[in-house]
């Protein structure tokens, strides 16, 4: 038996979980938003900058909150 499994209260399922890569998540979400904007421009037309000026900061705040929630220790 390994040292971790002999400890009282050791959760065997916790050892099997993969760590979350928050940086990869945040970069992936930002690049998905950029790709969505490029797709919108290609299919629909020019982006409305007044809407984008509000949506961009709000989406970054949401991405930041998601990143913070994923880094919390349970």
C-alpha atoms as a PDB file:
ATOM      1  CA  UNK A   1       0.000   0.000   0.000  1.00  0.00           C
ATOM      2  CA  UNK A   2       1.168   3.515  -0.674  1.00  0.00           C
ATOM      3  CA  UNK A   3       1.729   6.028   2.074  1.00  0.00           C
ATOM      4  CA  UNK A   4      -1.308   8.062   1.002  1.00  0.00           C
ATOM      5  CA  UNK A   5      -3.719   5.152   1.252  1.00  0.00           C
ATOM      6  CA  UNK A   6      -2.589   4.337   4.803  1.00  0.00           C
ATOM      7  CA  UNK A   7      -3.330   7.791   6.165  1.00  0.00           C
ATOM      8  CA  UNK A   8      -6.602   8.055   8.057  1.00  0.00           C
ATOM      9  CA  UNK A   9      -9.157  10.013   6.090  1.00  0.00           C
ATOM     10  CA  UNK A  10      -7.266   9.724   2.808  1.00  0.00           C
ATOM     11  CA  UNK A  11      -9.712   9.960  -0.057  1.00  0.00           C
ATOM     12  CA  UNK A  12      -8.723   7.511  -2.814  1.00  0.00           C
ATOM     13  CA  UNK A  13     -10.900   9.343  -5.372  1.00  0.00           C
ATOM     14  CA  UNK A  14      -9.136  12.647  -4.672  1.00  0.00           C
ATOM     15  CA  UNK A  15      -5.774  11.161  -5.661  1.00  0.00           C
ATOM     16  CA  UNK A  16      -7.163  10.089  -9.036  1.00  0.00           C
ATOM     17  CA  UNK A  17      -8.352  13.569 -10.070  1.00  0.00           C
ATOM     18  CA  UNK A  18      -6.269  15.508 -12.511  1.00  0.00           C
ATOM     19  CA  UNK A  19      -5.266  19.021 -11.509  1.00  0.00           C
ATOM     20  CA  UNK A  20      -7.058  21.824 -13.316  1.00  0.00           C
ATOM     21  CA  UNK A  21      -4.968  24.057 -15.520  1.00  0.00           C
ATOM     22  CA  UNK A  22      -6.586  27.440 -14.922  1.00  0.00           C
ATOM     23  CA  UNK A  23      -4.202  29.345 -17.202  1.00  0.00           C
ATOM     24  CA  UNK A  24      -5.088  27.082 -20.113  1.00  0.00           C
ATOM     25  CA  UNK A  25      -8.790  27.561 -19.345  1.00  0.00           C
ATOM     26  CA  UNK A  26      -8.547  31.361 -19.291  1.00  0.00           C
ATOM     27  CA  UNK A  27      -6.445  31.538 -22.468  1.00  0.00           C
ATOM     28  CA  UNK A  28      -8.810  29.130 -24.196  1.00  0.00           C
ATOM     29  CA  UNK A  29     -11.873  31.179 -23.250  1.00  0.00           C
ATOM     30  CA  UNK A  30     -10.278  34.448 -24.398  1.00  0.00           C
ATOM     31  CA  UNK A  31      -9.218  32.930 -27.717  1.00  0.00           C
ATOM     32  CA  UNK A  32     -12.691  31.439 -28.159  1.00  0.00           C
ATOM     33  CA  UNK A  33     -14.152  34.931 -27.752  1.00  0.00           C
ATOM     34  CA  UNK A  34     -11.694  36.335 -30.312  1.00  0.00           C
ATOM     35  CA  UNK A  35     -12.536  33.542 -32.752  1.00  0.00           C
ATOM     36  CA  UNK A  36     -16.248  34.190 -32.192  1.00  0.00           C
ATOM     37  CA  UNK A  37     -15.731  37.857 -33.048  1.00  0.00           C
ATOM     38  CA  UNK A  38     -13.847  36.952 -36.212  1.00  0.00           C
ATOM     39  CA  UNK A  39     -16.577  34.498 -37.209  1.00  0.00           C
ATOM     40  CA  UNK A  40     -19.254  37.134 -36.549  1.00  0.00           C
ATOM     41  CA  UNK A  41     -17.381  39.627 -38.712  1.00  0.00           C
ATOM     42  CA  UNK A  42     -16.976  37.112 -41.532  1.00  0.00           C
ATOM     43  CA  UNK A  43     -20.596  35.918 -41.556  1.00  0.00           C
ATOM     44  CA  UNK A  44     -22.689  38.857 -40.353  1.00  0.00           C
ATOM     45  CA  UNK A  45     -20.671  42.004 -40.871  1.00  0.00           C
ATOM     46  CA  UNK A  46     -18.763  44.569 -38.858  1.00  0.00           C
ATOM     47  CA  UNK A  47     -18.851  44.406 -35.092  1.00  0.00           C
ATOM     48  CA  UNK A  48     -20.732  47.109 -33.205  1.00  0.00           C
ATOM     49  CA  UNK A  49     -17.956  48.645 -31.096  1.00  0.00           C
ATOM     50  CA  UNK A  50     -20.353  50.105 -28.518  1.00  0.00           C
ATOM     51  CA  UNK A  51     -21.624  46.617 -27.686  1.00  0.00           C
ATOM     52  CA  UNK A  52     -18.109  45.196 -27.777  1.00  0.00           C
ATOM     53  CA  UNK A  53     -16.873  47.931 -25.399  1.00  0.00           C
ATOM     54  CA  UNK A  54     -19.345  46.628 -22.805  1.00  0.00           C
ATOM     55  CA  UNK A  55     -19.183  42.906 -23.552  1.00  0.00           C
ATOM     56  CA  UNK A  56     -15.386  42.568 -23.538  1.00  0.00           C
ATOM     57  CA  UNK A  57     -14.799  43.759 -19.940  1.00  0.00           C
ATOM     58  CA  UNK A  58     -17.809  41.825 -18.675  1.00  0.00           C
ATOM     59  CA  UNK A  59     -16.597  38.624 -20.302  1.00  0.00           C
ATOM     60  CA  UNK A  60     -13.115  39.104 -18.824  1.00  0.00           C
ATOM     61  CA  UNK A  61     -14.646  39.523 -15.361  1.00  0.00           C
ATOM     62  CA  UNK A  62     -16.667  36.323 -15.819  1.00  0.00           C
ATOM     63  CA  UNK A  63     -13.570  34.450 -17.017  1.00  0.00           C
ATOM     64  CA  UNK A  64     -11.639  35.750 -13.991  1.00  0.00           C
ATOM     65  CA  UNK A  65     -14.353  34.647 -11.578  1.00  0.00           C
ATOM     66  CA  UNK A  66     -14.406  31.185 -13.163  1.00  0.00           C
ATOM     67  CA  UNK A  67     -10.623  31.001 -12.798  1.00  0.00           C
ATOM     68  CA  UNK A  68     -10.811  32.008  -9.139  1.00  0.00           C
ATOM     69  CA  UNK A  69     -13.531  29.464  -8.407  1.00  0.00           C
ATOM     70  CA  UNK A  70     -11.486  26.691 -10.011  1.00  0.00           C
ATOM     71  CA  UNK A  71      -8.426  27.489  -7.909  1.00  0.00           C
ATOM     72  CA  UNK A  72     -10.288  27.290  -4.584  1.00  0.00           C
ATOM     73  CA  UNK A  73      -9.240  24.426  -2.367  1.00  0.00           C
ATOM     74  CA  UNK A  74     -12.117  22.141  -1.423  1.00  0.00           C
END
